[in-house]
Amino acid sequence: MHEEEINICGVLVHARQQQAEQVREQLCTLPGTEVHAVNDDGRLVVTVEDRGKYRCVDTITQFNDVEGVISTSLIYQYTDHDPFVQESAS
């Protein structure tokens, strides 16, 4: 049995109101990123999960490179070990 760490972050992204939809589209292309809601005032509710070599912190840092993003705030972070993940026998 192999333990794998699970890391999930909840992030509030504030984008320029007129660019919120474009920001949503760009964020969805980043590894482990899911946009759950876009508010009329340009706020986006986003979660990020570690994906192999892509760590949450690196992905969240990339949010600031997306045109239209004003700020990002880490709201929630969860880390745990998943005892049910097993290595394949290959």
C-alpha atoms as a PDB file:
ATOM      1  CA  MET A   1       0.000   0.000   0.000  1.00  0.00           C
ATOM      2  CA  HIS A   2       1.254   3.461  -0.915  1.00  0.00           C
ATOM      3  CA  GLU A   3       0.085   6.634   0.815  1.00  0.00           C
ATOM      4  CA  GLU A   4      -0.485   9.594  -1.451  1.00  0.00           C
ATOM      5  CA  GLU A   5      -0.884  13.104  -0.118  1.00  0.00           C
ATOM      6  CA  ILE A   6      -4.065  14.953  -1.020  1.00  0.00           C
ATOM      7  CA  ASN A   7      -3.816  18.736  -1.154  1.00  0.00           C
ATOM      8  CA  ILE A   8      -6.825  20.927  -1.969  1.00  0.00           C
ATOM      9  CA  CYS A   9      -6.991  24.723  -1.831  1.00  0.00           C
ATOM     10  CA  GLY A  10      -9.986  27.030  -2.003  1.00  0.00           C
ATOM     11  CA  VAL A  11      -9.192  30.370  -3.613  1.00  0.00           C
ATOM     12  CA  LEU A  12     -11.169  33.566  -4.100  1.00  0.00           C
ATOM     13  CA  VAL A  13     -10.070  35.264  -7.314  1.00  0.00           C
ATOM     14  CA  HIS A  14     -11.055  38.870  -7.945  1.00  0.00           C
ATOM     15  CA  ALA A  15     -11.092  39.772 -11.634  1.00  0.00           C
ATOM     16  CA  ARG A  16     -12.036  42.889 -13.551  1.00  0.00           C
ATOM     17  CA  GLN A  17     -15.790  42.634 -13.915  1.00  0.00           C
ATOM     18  CA  GLN A  18     -15.761  42.903 -17.717  1.00  0.00           C
ATOM     19  CA  GLN A  19     -13.083  40.180 -17.984  1.00  0.00           C
ATOM     20  CA  ALA A  20     -14.496  37.661 -15.484  1.00  0.00           C
ATOM     21  CA  GLU A  21     -15.641  35.170 -18.131  1.00  0.00           C
ATOM     22  CA  GLN A  22     -12.270  35.259 -19.926  1.00  0.00           C
ATOM     23  CA  VAL A  23     -10.523  34.788 -16.571  1.00  0.00           C
ATOM     24  CA  ARG A  24     -12.749  31.765 -15.852  1.00  0.00           C
ATOM     25  CA  GLU A  25     -11.828  30.220 -19.205  1.00  0.00           C
ATOM     26  CA  GLN A  26      -8.099  30.761 -18.612  1.00  0.00           C
ATOM     27  CA  LEU A  27      -8.147  29.425 -15.060  1.00  0.00           C
ATOM     28  CA  CYS A  28      -9.886  26.240 -16.222  1.00  0.00           C
ATOM     29  CA  THR A  29      -6.880  25.461 -18.430  1.00  0.00           C
ATOM     30  CA  LEU A  30      -4.491  25.333 -15.454  1.00  0.00           C
ATOM     31  CA  PRO A  31      -3.752  21.897 -13.939  1.00  0.00           C
ATOM     32  CA  GLY A  32      -6.025  20.811 -11.098  1.00  0.00           C
ATOM     33  CA  THR A  33      -8.145  23.973 -11.294  1.00  0.00           C
ATOM     34  CA  GLU A  34     -11.937  24.069 -11.162  1.00  0.00           C
ATOM     35  CA  VAL A  35     -14.053  27.236 -11.165  1.00  0.00           C
ATOM     36  CA  HIS A  36     -17.237  26.718  -9.160  1.00  0.00           C
ATOM     37  CA  ALA A  37     -18.857  30.134  -9.424  1.00  0.00           C
ATOM     38  CA  VAL A  38     -18.455  33.517 -11.090  1.00  0.00           C
ATOM     39  CA  ASN A  39     -20.138  36.470  -9.404  1.00  0.00           C
ATOM     40  CA  ASP A  40     -21.486  39.501 -11.301  1.00  0.00           C
ATOM     41  CA  ASP A  41     -18.881  41.716  -9.649  1.00  0.00           C
ATOM     42  CA  GLY A  42     -15.935  39.654 -10.932  1.00  0.00           C
ATOM     43  CA  ARG A  43     -15.291  37.343  -7.975  1.00  0.00           C
ATOM     44  CA  LEU A  44     -14.605  33.675  -8.778  1.00  0.00           C
ATOM     45  CA  VAL A  45     -14.737  30.727  -6.392  1.00  0.00           C
ATOM     46  CA  VAL A  46     -11.993  28.294  -7.378  1.00  0.00           C
ATOM     47  CA  THR A  47     -10.514  25.052  -6.062  1.00  0.00           C
ATOM     48  CA  VAL A  48      -7.068  23.744  -6.905  1.00  0.00           C
ATOM     49  CA  GLU A  49      -5.768  20.210  -6.316  1.00  0.00           C
ATOM     50  CA  ASP A  50      -2.211  18.947  -6.576  1.00  0.00           C
ATOM     51  CA  ARG A  51      -1.758  17.069  -9.868  1.00  0.00           C
ATOM     52  CA  GLY A  52       1.400  14.997  -9.979  1.00  0.00           C
ATOM     53  CA  LYS A  53       4.253  17.406 -10.575  1.00  0.00           C
ATOM     54  CA  TYR A  54       1.875  20.412 -10.417  1.00  0.00           C
ATOM     55  CA  ARG A  55       1.590  21.715  -6.863  1.00  0.00           C
ATOM     56  CA  CYS A  56      -1.285  23.941  -5.705  1.00  0.00           C
ATOM     57  CA  VAL A  57       1.035  26.773  -4.755  1.00  0.00           C
ATOM     58  CA  ASP A  58       2.566  26.852  -8.249  1.00  0.00           C
ATOM     59  CA  THR A  59      -0.831  26.815  -9.948  1.00  0.00           C
ATOM     60  CA  ILE A  60      -2.228  29.548  -7.685  1.00  0.00           C
ATOM     61  CA  THR A  61       0.838  31.675  -8.394  1.00  0.00           C
ATOM     62  CA  GLN A  62      -0.002  31.387 -12.110  1.00  0.00           C
ATOM     63  CA  PHE A  63      -3.441  32.924 -11.458  1.00  0.00           C
ATOM     64  CA  ASN A  64      -1.759  36.318 -11.126  1.00  0.00           C
ATOM     65  CA  ASP A  65      -0.386  35.984 -14.669  1.00  0.00           C
ATOM     66  CA  VAL A  66      -3.899  35.702 -16.140  1.00  0.00           C
ATOM     67  CA  GLU A  67      -4.977  38.945 -17.783  1.00  0.00           C
ATOM     68  CA  GLY A  68      -7.843  40.521 -15.862  1.00  0.00           C
ATOM     69  CA  VAL A  69      -6.976  39.057 -12.447  1.00  0.00           C
ATOM     70  CA  ILE A  70      -6.763  41.764  -9.790  1.00  0.00           C
ATOM     71  CA  SER A  71      -6.027  39.603  -6.738  1.00  0.00           C
ATOM     72  CA  THR A  72      -6.131  36.088  -5.306  1.00  0.00           C
ATOM     73  CA  SER A  73      -6.828  35.038  -1.728  1.00  0.00           C
ATOM     74  CA  LEU A  74      -6.249  31.586  -0.290  1.00  0.00           C
ATOM     75  CA  ILE A  75      -9.418  30.894   1.692  1.00  0.00           C
ATOM     76  CA  TYR A  76      -9.081  27.209   2.568  1.00  0.00           C
ATOM     77  CA  GLN A  77      -6.353  24.561   2.467  1.00  0.00           C
ATOM     78  CA  TYR A  78      -6.699  20.851   3.225  1.00  0.00           C
ATOM     79  CA  THR A  79      -3.927  18.243   3.279  1.00  0.00           C
ATOM     80  CA  ASP A  80      -4.301  14.570   4.111  1.00  0.00           C
ATOM     81  CA  HIS A  81      -2.864  11.199   3.246  1.00  0.00           C
ATOM     82  CA  ASP A  82      -5.142   8.856   1.296  1.00  0.00           C
ATOM     83  CA  PRO A  83      -4.540   5.354   2.661  1.00  0.00           C
ATOM     84  CA  PHE A  84      -6.716   3.838  -0.078  1.00  0.00           C
ATOM     85  CA  VAL A  85      -4.452   4.768  -3.006  1.00  0.00           C
ATOM     86  CA  GLN A  86      -2.429   1.731  -4.085  1.00  0.00           C
ATOM     87  CA  GLU A  87       0.539   1.396  -6.380  1.00  0.00           C
ATOM     88  CA  SER A  88      -0.085  -0.613  -9.506  1.00  0.00           C
ATOM     89  CA  ALA A  89       1.784  -3.886  -9.848  1.00  0.00           C
ATOM     90  CA  SER A  90       3.190  -3.047 -13.271  1.00  0.00           C
END
